[in-house]
């Protein structure tokens, strides 16, 4: 009976790397279309919200550099506090009544 346990352990050691490799290849095939969709969404968001200097970077240096600049601006804007509106613009918006 002990031989069967050793045999199973040996087979596990031999075949586990191949099973793991097959799983990794399968997951790569699943991930590939998802990556393309994510990149398309980033490009669409960039083109909708980019400032002129970011579009200029896109034209001169390519998408990766422009996306890095765009992402940096968005990260910075999340860290900065939202300015309080005062004066006639705030009165029109209904903030002070």
PDB file of N, CA and C in Angstrom:
ATOM      1  N   UNK A   1       0.804  -1.188   0.000  1.00  0.00           N
ATOM      2  CA  UNK A   1       0.000   0.000   0.000  1.00  0.00           C
ATOM      3  C   UNK A   1       0.852   1.260   0.000  1.00  0.00           C
ATOM      4  N   UNK A   2       2.003   1.215   0.587  1.00  0.00           N
ATOM      5  CA  UNK A   2       2.875   2.375   0.632  1.00  0.00           C
ATOM      6  C   UNK A   2       3.411   2.746  -0.735  1.00  0.00           C
ATOM      7  N   UNK A   3       3.507   1.753  -1.633  1.00  0.00           N
ATOM      8  CA  UNK A   3       4.016   2.021  -2.972  1.00  0.00           C
ATOM      9  C   UNK A   3       3.080   2.926  -3.763  1.00  0.00           C
ATOM     10  N   UNK A   4       1.796   2.795  -3.554  1.00  0.00           N
ATOM     11  CA  UNK A   4       0.837   3.615  -4.287  1.00  0.00           C
ATOM     12  C   UNK A   4       0.961   5.089  -3.897  1.00  0.00           C
ATOM     13  N   UNK A   5       1.218   5.343  -2.620  1.00  0.00           N
ATOM     14  CA  UNK A   5       1.399   6.720  -2.160  1.00  0.00           C
ATOM     15  C   UNK A   5       2.648   7.339  -2.758  1.00  0.00           C
ATOM     16  N   UNK A   6       3.719   6.555  -2.831  1.00  0.00           N
ATOM     17  CA  UNK A   6       4.958   7.053  -3.425  1.00  0.00           C
ATOM     18  C   UNK A   6       4.789   7.300  -4.917  1.00  0.00           C
ATOM     19  N   UNK A   7       4.056   6.414  -5.580  1.00  0.00           N
ATOM     20  CA  UNK A   7       3.819   6.549  -7.016  1.00  0.00           C
ATOM     21  C   UNK A   7       2.997   7.812  -7.306  1.00  0.00           C
ATOM     22  N   UNK A   8       1.972   8.011  -6.504  1.00  0.00           N
ATOM     23  CA  UNK A   8       1.124   9.191  -6.699  1.00  0.00           C
ATOM     24  C   UNK A   8       1.909  10.476  -6.435  1.00  0.00           C
ATOM     25  N   UNK A   9       2.736  10.459  -5.419  1.00  0.00           N
ATOM     26  CA  UNK A   9       3.578  11.626  -5.123  1.00  0.00           C
ATOM     27  C   UNK A   9       4.548  11.910  -6.251  1.00  0.00           C
ATOM     28  N   UNK A  10       5.127  10.860  -6.797  1.00  0.00           N
ATOM     29  CA  UNK A  10       6.049  11.017  -7.920  1.00  0.00           C
ATOM     30  C   UNK A  10       5.358  11.562  -9.157  1.00  0.00           C
ATOM     31  N   UNK A  11       4.170  11.026  -9.429  1.00  0.00           N
ATOM     32  CA  UNK A  11       3.412  11.532 -10.590  1.00  0.00           C
ATOM     33  C   UNK A  11       3.016  12.997 -10.397  1.00  0.00           C
ATOM     34  N   UNK A  12       2.666  13.359  -9.176  1.00  0.00           N
ATOM     35  CA  UNK A  12       2.318  14.744  -8.878  1.00  0.00           C
ATOM     36  C   UNK A  12       3.512  15.665  -9.122  1.00  0.00           C
ATOM     37  N   UNK A  13       4.678  15.239  -8.677  1.00  0.00           N
ATOM     38  CA  UNK A  13       5.888  16.050  -8.871  1.00  0.00           C
ATOM     39  C   UNK A  13       6.220  16.184 -10.356  1.00  0.00           C
ATOM     40  N   UNK A  14       6.017  15.130 -11.117  1.00  0.00           N
ATOM     41  CA  UNK A  14       6.351  15.158 -12.542  1.00  0.00           C
ATOM     42  C   UNK A  14       5.336  15.980 -13.345  1.00  0.00           C
ATOM     43  N   UNK A  15       4.050  15.789 -13.074  1.00  0.00           N
ATOM     44  CA  UNK A  15       3.023  16.412 -13.917  1.00  0.00           C
ATOM     45  C   UNK A  15       2.561  17.794 -13.458  1.00  0.00           C
ATOM     46  N   UNK A  16       2.799  18.167 -12.205  1.00  0.00           N
ATOM     47  CA  UNK A  16       2.337  19.455 -11.723  1.00  0.00           C
ATOM     48  C   UNK A  16       2.881  20.633 -12.542  1.00  0.00           C
ATOM     49  N   UNK A  17       4.175  20.678 -12.881  1.00  0.00           N
ATOM     50  CA  UNK A  17       4.654  21.814 -13.690  1.00  0.00           C
ATOM     51  C   UNK A  17       3.937  21.924 -15.047  1.00  0.00           C
ATOM     52  N   UNK A  18       3.603  20.797 -15.654  1.00  0.00           N
ATOM     53  CA  UNK A  18       2.918  20.832 -16.945  1.00  0.00           C
ATOM     54  C   UNK A  18       1.469  21.309 -16.799  1.00  0.00           C
ATOM     55  N   UNK A  19       0.832  20.889 -15.739  1.00  0.00           N
ATOM     56  CA  UNK A  19      -0.539  21.347 -15.472  1.00  0.00           C
ATOM     57  C   UNK A  19      -0.526  22.847 -15.192  1.00  0.00           C
ATOM     58  N   UNK A  20       0.433  23.310 -14.422  1.00  0.00           N
ATOM     59  CA  UNK A  20       0.557  24.735 -14.123  1.00  0.00           C
ATOM     60  C   UNK A  20       0.831  25.542 -15.394  1.00  0.00           C
ATOM     61  N   UNK A  21       1.707  25.049 -16.250  1.00  0.00           N
ATOM     62  CA  UNK A  21       2.007  25.722 -17.515  1.00  0.00           C
ATOM     63  C   UNK A  21       0.765  25.794 -18.406  1.00  0.00           C
ATOM     64  N   UNK A  22       0.009  24.708 -18.479  1.00  0.00           N
ATOM     65  CA  UNK A  22      -1.221  24.710 -19.284  1.00  0.00           C
ATOM     66  C   UNK A  22      -2.224  25.709 -18.728  1.00  0.00           C
ATOM     67  N   UNK A  23      -2.348  25.794 -17.422  1.00  0.00           N
ATOM     68  CA  UNK A  23      -3.254  26.765 -16.802  1.00  0.00           C
ATOM     69  C   UNK A  23      -2.819  28.193 -17.104  1.00  0.00           C
ATOM     70  N   UNK A  24      -1.523  28.456 -17.046  1.00  0.00           N
ATOM     71  CA  UNK A  24      -1.012  29.807 -17.346  1.00  0.00           C
ATOM     72  C   UNK A  24      -1.282  30.183 -18.798  1.00  0.00           C
ATOM     73  N   UNK A  25      -1.096  29.251 -19.715  1.00  0.00           N
ATOM     74  CA  UNK A  25      -1.374  29.530 -21.118  1.00  0.00           C
ATOM     75  C   UNK A  25      -2.862  29.791 -21.358  1.00  0.00           C
ATOM     76  N   UNK A  26      -3.698  29.032 -20.684  1.00  0.00           N
ATOM     77  CA  UNK A  26      -5.139  29.244 -20.794  1.00  0.00           C
ATOM     78  C   UNK A  26      -5.519  30.624 -20.264  1.00  0.00           C
ATOM     79  N   UNK A  27      -4.973  31.016 -19.125  1.00  0.00           N
ATOM     80  CA  UNK A  27      -5.287  32.322 -18.551  1.00  0.00           C
ATOM     81  C   UNK A  27      -4.771  33.457 -19.438  1.00  0.00           C
ATOM     82  N   UNK A  28      -3.661  33.257 -20.098  1.00  0.00           N
ATOM     83  CA  UNK A  28      -3.143  34.270 -21.039  1.00  0.00           C
ATOM     84  C   UNK A  28      -4.136  34.489 -22.175  1.00  0.00           C
ATOM     85  N   UNK A  29      -4.708  33.399 -22.670  1.00  0.00           N
ATOM     86  CA  UNK A  29      -5.699  33.513 -23.748  1.00  0.00           C
ATOM     87  C   UNK A  29      -6.959  34.215 -23.267  1.00  0.00           C
ATOM     88  N   UNK A  30      -7.318  34.023 -22.008  1.00  0.00           N
ATOM     89  CA  UNK A  30      -8.493  34.691 -21.445  1.00  0.00           C
ATOM     90  C   UNK A  30      -8.209  36.173 -21.209  1.00  0.00           C
ATOM     91  N   UNK A  31      -7.012  36.496 -20.733  1.00  0.00           N
ATOM     92  CA  UNK A  31      -6.656  37.879 -20.403  1.00  0.00           C
ATOM     93  C   UNK A  31      -6.456  38.753 -21.630  1.00  0.00           C
ATOM     94  N   UNK A  32      -5.964  38.203 -22.714  1.00  0.00           N
ATOM     95  CA  UNK A  32      -5.614  39.009 -23.880  1.00  0.00           C
ATOM     96  C   UNK A  32      -6.763  39.881 -24.374  1.00  0.00           C
ATOM     97  N   UNK A  33      -7.952  39.373 -24.619  1.00  0.00           N
ATOM     98  CA  UNK A  33      -9.048  40.250 -25.053  1.00  0.00           C
ATOM     99  C   UNK A  33      -9.438  41.280 -24.002  1.00  0.00           C
ATOM    100  N   UNK A  34      -9.303  40.923 -22.736  1.00  0.00           N
ATOM    101  CA  UNK A  34      -9.637  41.869 -21.679  1.00  0.00           C
ATOM    102  C   UNK A  34      -8.670  43.041 -21.655  1.00  0.00           C
ATOM    103  N   UNK A  35      -7.403  42.797 -21.924  1.00  0.00           N
ATOM    104  CA  UNK A  35      -6.420  43.882 -21.994  1.00  0.00           C
ATOM    105  C   UNK A  35      -6.751  44.843 -23.121  1.00  0.00           C
ATOM    106  N   UNK A  36      -7.137  44.310 -24.268  1.00  0.00           N
ATOM    107  CA  UNK A  36      -7.465  45.168 -25.410  1.00  0.00           C
ATOM    108  C   UNK A  36      -8.640  46.077 -25.098  1.00  0.00           C
ATOM    109  N   UNK A  37      -9.647  45.543 -24.423  1.00  0.00           N
ATOM    110  CA  UNK A  37     -10.815  46.340 -24.045  1.00  0.00           C
ATOM    111  C   UNK A  37     -10.400  47.438 -23.072  1.00  0.00           C
ATOM    112  N   UNK A  38      -9.537  47.117 -22.123  1.00  0.00           N
ATOM    113  CA  UNK A  38      -9.088  48.101 -21.139  1.00  0.00           C
ATOM    114  C   UNK A  38      -8.308  49.229 -21.816  1.00  0.00           C
ATOM    115  N   UNK A  39      -7.465  48.899 -22.772  1.00  0.00           N
ATOM    116  CA  UNK A  39      -6.687  49.916 -23.485  1.00  0.00           C
ATOM    117  C   UNK A  39      -7.612  50.791 -24.319  1.00  0.00           C
ATOM    118  N   UNK A  40      -8.600  50.192 -24.969  1.00  0.00           N
ATOM    119  CA  UNK A  40      -9.541  50.981 -25.763  1.00  0.00           C
ATOM    120  C   UNK A  40     -10.315  51.951 -24.878  1.00  0.00           C
ATOM    121  N   UNK A  41     -10.672  51.517 -23.675  1.00  0.00           N
ATOM    122  CA  UNK A  41     -11.390  52.395 -22.743  1.00  0.00           C
ATOM    123  C   UNK A  41     -10.484  53.540 -22.290  1.00  0.00           C
ATOM    124  N   UNK A  42      -9.193  53.257 -22.058  1.00  0.00           N
ATOM    125  CA  UNK A  42      -8.249  54.308 -21.669  1.00  0.00           C
ATOM    126  C   UNK A  42      -8.083  55.326 -22.782  1.00  0.00           C
ATOM    127  N   UNK A  43      -7.979  54.866 -24.021  1.00  0.00           N
ATOM    128  CA  UNK A  43      -7.823  55.777 -25.152  1.00  0.00           C
ATOM    129  C   UNK A  43      -9.061  56.654 -25.289  1.00  0.00           C
ATOM    130  N   UNK A  44     -10.228  56.058 -25.155  1.00  0.00           N
ATOM    131  CA  UNK A  44     -11.469  56.824 -25.276  1.00  0.00           C
ATOM    132  C   UNK A  44     -11.567  57.877 -24.168  1.00  0.00           C
ATOM    133  N   UNK A  45     -11.251  57.502 -22.948  1.00  0.00           N
ATOM    134  CA  UNK A  45     -11.291  58.451 -21.842  1.00  0.00           C
ATOM    135  C   UNK A  45     -10.257  59.550 -22.044  1.00  0.00           C
ATOM    136  N   UNK A  46      -9.072  59.189 -22.506  1.00  0.00           N
ATOM    137  CA  UNK A  46      -8.021  60.174 -22.757  1.00  0.00           C
ATOM    138  C   UNK A  46      -8.479  61.189 -23.793  1.00  0.00           C
ATOM    139  N   UNK A  47      -9.026  60.717 -24.903  1.00  0.00           N
ATOM    140  CA  UNK A  47      -9.437  61.631 -25.966  1.00  0.00           C
ATOM    141  C   UNK A  47     -10.613  62.511 -25.539  1.00  0.00           C
ATOM    142  N   UNK A  48     -11.462  62.018 -24.649  1.00  0.00           N
ATOM    143  CA  UNK A  48     -12.585  62.815 -24.166  1.00  0.00           C
ATOM    144  C   UNK A  48     -12.164  63.898 -23.180  1.00  0.00           C
ATOM    145  N   UNK A  49     -11.169  63.600 -22.322  1.00  0.00           N
ATOM    146  CA  UNK A  49     -10.856  64.477 -21.202  1.00  0.00           C
ATOM    147  C   UNK A  49      -9.488  65.152 -21.276  1.00  0.00           C
ATOM    148  N   UNK A  50      -8.702  64.877 -22.290  1.00  0.00           N
ATOM    149  CA  UNK A  50      -7.335  65.409 -22.351  1.00  0.00           C
ATOM    150  C   UNK A  50      -7.330  66.913 -22.614  1.00  0.00           C
ATOM    151  N   UNK A  51      -6.352  67.574 -22.044  1.00  0.00           N
ATOM    152  CA  UNK A  51      -6.128  69.000 -22.280  1.00  0.00           C
ATOM    153  C   UNK A  51      -5.270  69.153 -23.530  1.00  0.00           C
ATOM    154  N   UNK A  52      -5.218  70.374 -24.089  1.00  0.00           N
ATOM    155  CA  UNK A  52      -4.431  70.581 -25.318  1.00  0.00           C
ATOM    156  C   UNK A  52      -2.965  70.176 -25.186  1.00  0.00           C
ATOM    157  N   UNK A  53      -2.329  70.451 -24.041  1.00  0.00           N
ATOM    158  CA  UNK A  53      -0.910  70.086 -23.891  1.00  0.00           C
ATOM    159  C   UNK A  53      -0.731  68.566 -23.839  1.00  0.00           C
ATOM    160  N   UNK A  54      -1.727  67.858 -23.333  1.00  0.00           N
ATOM    161  CA  UNK A  54      -1.656  66.397 -23.323  1.00  0.00           C
ATOM    162  C   UNK A  54      -1.859  65.832 -24.728  1.00  0.00           C
ATOM    163  N   UNK A  55      -2.724  66.464 -25.502  1.00  0.00           N
ATOM    164  CA  UNK A  55      -2.890  66.046 -26.899  1.00  0.00           C
ATOM    165  C   UNK A  55      -1.627  66.338 -27.704  1.00  0.00           C
ATOM    166  N   UNK A  56      -0.971  67.451 -27.388  1.00  0.00           N
ATOM    167  CA  UNK A  56       0.291  67.778 -28.052  1.00  0.00           C
ATOM    168  C   UNK A  56       1.351  66.730 -27.723  1.00  0.00           C
ATOM    169  N   UNK A  57       1.401  66.305 -26.463  1.00  0.00           N
ATOM    170  CA  UNK A  57       2.326  65.233 -26.068  1.00  0.00           C
ATOM    171  C   UNK A  57       1.994  63.947 -26.805  1.00  0.00           C
ATOM    172  N   UNK A  58       0.701  63.674 -26.973  1.00  0.00           N
ATOM    173  CA  UNK A  58       0.262  62.484 -27.702  1.00  0.00           C
ATOM    174  C   UNK A  58       0.780  62.504 -29.135  1.00  0.00           C
ATOM    175  N   UNK A  59       0.698  63.650 -29.783  1.00  0.00           N
ATOM    176  CA  UNK A  59       1.135  63.765 -31.175  1.00  0.00           C
ATOM    177  C   UNK A  59       2.658  63.662 -31.278  1.00  0.00           C
ATOM    178  N   UNK A  60       3.363  64.348 -30.361  1.00  0.00           N
ATOM    179  CA  UNK A  60       4.830  64.389 -30.459  1.00  0.00           C
ATOM    180  C   UNK A  60       5.511  63.127 -29.932  1.00  0.00           C
ATOM    181  N   UNK A  61       5.043  62.587 -28.806  1.00  0.00           N
ATOM    182  CA  UNK A  61       5.771  61.516 -28.129  1.00  0.00           C
ATOM    183  C   UNK A  61       5.059  60.171 -28.122  1.00  0.00           C
ATOM    184  N   UNK A  62       3.792  60.147 -28.500  1.00  0.00           N
ATOM    185  CA  UNK A  62       3.057  58.887 -28.531  1.00  0.00           C
ATOM    186  C   UNK A  62       2.131  58.732 -27.343  1.00  0.00           C
ATOM    187  N   UNK A  63       1.339  57.678 -27.404  1.00  0.00           N
ATOM    188  CA  UNK A  63       0.300  57.471 -26.395  1.00  0.00           C
ATOM    189  C   UNK A  63       0.832  57.173 -24.992  1.00  0.00           C
ATOM    190  N   UNK A  64       1.867  56.338 -24.820  1.00  0.00           N
ATOM    191  CA  UNK A  64       2.313  56.048 -23.442  1.00  0.00           C
ATOM    192  C   UNK A  64       2.732  57.295 -22.667  1.00  0.00           C
ATOM    193  N   UNK A  65       3.482  58.191 -23.300  1.00  0.00           N
ATOM    194  CA  UNK A  65       3.916  59.421 -22.617  1.00  0.00           C
ATOM    195  C   UNK A  65       2.726  60.330 -22.320  1.00  0.00           C
ATOM    196  N   UNK A  66       1.812  60.455 -23.272  1.00  0.00           N
ATOM    197  CA  UNK A  66       0.635  61.301 -23.066  1.00  0.00           C
ATOM    198  C   UNK A  66      -0.263  60.725 -21.979  1.00  0.00           C
ATOM    199  N   UNK A  67      -0.419  59.414 -21.951  1.00  0.00           N
ATOM    200  CA  UNK A  67      -1.255  58.789 -20.926  1.00  0.00           C
ATOM    201  C   UNK A  67      -0.632  58.962 -19.547  1.00  0.00           C
ATOM    202  N   UNK A  68       0.681  58.901 -19.456  1.00  0.00           N
ATOM    203  CA  UNK A  68       1.357  59.113 -18.175  1.00  0.00           C
ATOM    204  C   UNK A  68       1.122  60.542 -17.683  1.00  0.00           C
ATOM    205  N   UNK A  69       1.215  61.503 -18.579  1.00  0.00           N
ATOM    206  CA  UNK A  69       0.969  62.907 -18.208  1.00  0.00           C
ATOM    207  C   UNK A  69      -0.491  63.099 -17.785  1.00  0.00           C
ATOM    208  N   UNK A  70      -1.405  62.507 -18.524  1.00  0.00           N
ATOM    209  CA  UNK A  70      -2.836  62.591 -18.232  1.00  0.00           C
ATOM    210  C   UNK A  70      -3.143  61.943 -16.882  1.00  0.00           C
ATOM    211  N   UNK A  71      -2.589  60.768 -16.630  1.00  0.00           N
ATOM    212  CA  UNK A  71      -2.814  60.059 -15.367  1.00  0.00           C
ATOM    213  C   UNK A  71      -2.235  60.836 -14.194  1.00  0.00           C
ATOM    214  N   UNK A  72      -1.074  61.443 -14.395  1.00  0.00           N
ATOM    215  CA  UNK A  72      -0.465  62.260 -13.341  1.00  0.00           C
ATOM    216  C   UNK A  72      -1.341  63.445 -12.975  1.00  0.00           C
ATOM    217  N   UNK A  73      -1.923  64.088 -13.977  1.00  0.00           N
ATOM    218  CA  UNK A  73      -2.814  65.221 -13.713  1.00  0.00           C
ATOM    219  C   UNK A  73      -4.052  64.757 -12.963  1.00  0.00           C
ATOM    220  N   UNK A  74      -4.601  63.619 -13.350  1.00  0.00           N
ATOM    221  CA  UNK A  74      -5.805  63.116 -12.684  1.00  0.00           C
ATOM    222  C   UNK A  74      -5.508  62.721 -11.233  1.00  0.00           C
ATOM    223  N   UNK A  75      -4.338  62.104 -10.992  1.00  0.00           N
ATOM    224  CA  UNK A  75      -3.964  61.752  -9.616  1.00  0.00           C
ATOM    225  C   UNK A  75      -3.805  63.011  -8.776  1.00  0.00           C
ATOM    226  N   UNK A  76      -3.171  64.031  -9.344  1.00  0.00           N
ATOM    227  CA  UNK A  76      -2.952  65.284  -8.635  1.00  0.00           C
ATOM    228  C   UNK A  76      -4.278  65.975  -8.341  1.00  0.00           C
ATOM    229  N   UNK A  77      -5.202  65.957  -9.299  1.00  0.00           N
ATOM    230  CA  UNK A  77      -6.489  66.619  -9.076  1.00  0.00           C
ATOM    231  C   UNK A  77      -7.302  65.921  -7.991  1.00  0.00           C
ATOM    232  N   UNK A  78      -7.107  64.621  -7.814  1.00  0.00           N
ATOM    233  CA  UNK A  78      -7.808  63.909  -6.737  1.00  0.00           C
ATOM    234  C   UNK A  78      -7.255  64.278  -5.373  1.00  0.00           C
ATOM    235  N   UNK A  79      -5.967  64.643  -5.317  1.00  0.00           N
ATOM    236  CA  UNK A  79      -5.341  64.983  -4.041  1.00  0.00           C
ATOM    237  C   UNK A  79      -5.645  66.409  -3.608  1.00  0.00           C
ATOM    238  N   UNK A  80      -5.869  67.299  -4.573  1.00  0.00           N
ATOM    239  CA  UNK A  80      -6.117  68.699  -4.252  1.00  0.00           C
ATOM    240  C   UNK A  80      -7.561  68.889  -3.798  1.00  0.00           C
ATOM    241  N   UNK A  81      -7.771  69.817  -2.852  1.00  0.00           N
ATOM    242  CA  UNK A  81      -9.150  70.066  -2.414  1.00  0.00           C
ATOM    243  C   UNK A  81      -9.938  70.779  -3.508  1.00  0.00           C
ATOM    244  N   UNK A  82     -11.250  70.577  -3.484  1.00  0.00           N
ATOM    245  CA  UNK A  82     -12.129  71.222  -4.452  1.00  0.00           C
ATOM    246  C   UNK A  82     -12.289  72.680  -4.042  1.00  0.00           C
ATOM    247  N   UNK A  83     -12.061  73.629  -4.956  1.00  0.00           N
ATOM    248  CA  UNK A  83     -12.174  75.045  -4.584  1.00  0.00           C
ATOM    249  C   UNK A  83     -13.624  75.419  -4.272  1.00  0.00           C
ATOM    250  N   UNK A  84     -13.781  76.307  -3.288  1.00  0.00           N
ATOM    251  CA  UNK A  84     -15.098  76.791  -2.900  1.00  0.00           C
ATOM    252  C   UNK A  84     -15.478  77.922  -3.836  1.00  0.00           C
ATOM    253  N   UNK A  85     -16.679  77.848  -4.387  1.00  0.00           N
ATOM    254  CA  UNK A  85     -17.146  78.885  -5.311  1.00  0.00           C
ATOM    255  C   UNK A  85     -17.737  80.034  -4.511  1.00  0.00           C
ATOM    256  N   UNK A  86     -17.305  81.228  -4.814  1.00  0.00           N
ATOM    257  CA  UNK A  86     -17.813  82.422  -4.143  1.00  0.00           C
ATOM    258  C   UNK A  86     -18.150  83.473  -5.193  1.00  0.00           C
ATOM    259  N   UNK A  87     -18.871  84.465  -4.785  1.00  0.00           N
ATOM    260  CA  UNK A  87     -19.171  85.572  -5.681  1.00  0.00           C
ATOM    261  C   UNK A  87     -20.393  85.312  -6.531  1.00  0.00           C
ATOM    262  N   UNK A  88     -20.468  86.018  -7.644  1.00  0.00           N
ATOM    263  CA  UNK A  88     -21.672  85.962  -8.473  1.00  0.00           C
ATOM    264  C   UNK A  88     -21.876  84.585  -9.110  1.00  0.00           C
ATOM    265  N   UNK A  89     -20.782  83.879  -9.411  1.00  0.00           N
ATOM    266  CA  UNK A  89     -20.932  82.541 -10.000  1.00  0.00           C
ATOM    267  C   UNK A  89     -21.565  81.578  -9.001  1.00  0.00           C
ATOM    268  N   UNK A  90     -21.183  81.694  -7.739  1.00  0.00           N
ATOM    269  CA  UNK A  90     -21.747  80.829  -6.716  1.00  0.00           C
ATOM    270  C   UNK A  90     -23.220  81.153  -6.493  1.00  0.00           C
ATOM    271  N   UNK A  91     -23.576  82.433  -6.547  1.00  0.00           N
ATOM    272  CA  UNK A  91     -24.966  82.815  -6.357  1.00  0.00           C
ATOM    273  C   UNK A  91     -25.831  82.246  -7.471  1.00  0.00           C
ATOM    274  N   UNK A  92     -25.314  82.255  -8.707  1.00  0.00           N
ATOM    275  CA  UNK A  92     -26.066  81.685  -9.831  1.00  0.00           C
ATOM    276  C   UNK A  92     -26.216  80.180  -9.677  1.00  0.00           C
ATOM    277  N   UNK A  93     -25.210  79.533  -9.127  1.00  0.00           N
ATOM    278  CA  UNK A  93     -25.255  78.077  -8.961  1.00  0.00           C
ATOM    279  C   UNK A  93     -26.125  77.680  -7.781  1.00  0.00           C
ATOM    280  N   UNK A  94     -26.541  78.660  -6.965  1.00  0.00           N
ATOM    281  CA  UNK A  94     -27.419  78.366  -5.855  1.00  0.00           C
ATOM    282  C   UNK A  94     -26.686  77.919  -4.606  1.00  0.00           C
ATOM    283  N   UNK A  95     -25.385  78.231  -4.506  1.00  0.00           N
ATOM    284  CA  UNK A  95     -24.624  77.792  -3.344  1.00  0.00           C
ATOM    285  C   UNK A  95     -24.857  78.708  -2.144  1.00  0.00           C
ATOM    286  N   UNK A  96     -25.080  80.004  -2.392  1.00  0.00           N
ATOM    287  CA  UNK A  96     -25.316  80.969  -1.303  1.00  0.00           C
ATOM    288  C   UNK A  96     -26.666  81.604  -1.502  1.00  0.00           C
ATOM    289  N   UNK A  97     -27.578  81.343  -0.588  1.00  0.00           N
ATOM    290  CA  UNK A  97     -28.920  81.948  -0.682  1.00  0.00           C
ATOM    291  C   UNK A  97     -29.328  82.438   0.659  1.00  0.00           C
TER     292      UNK A  97
END
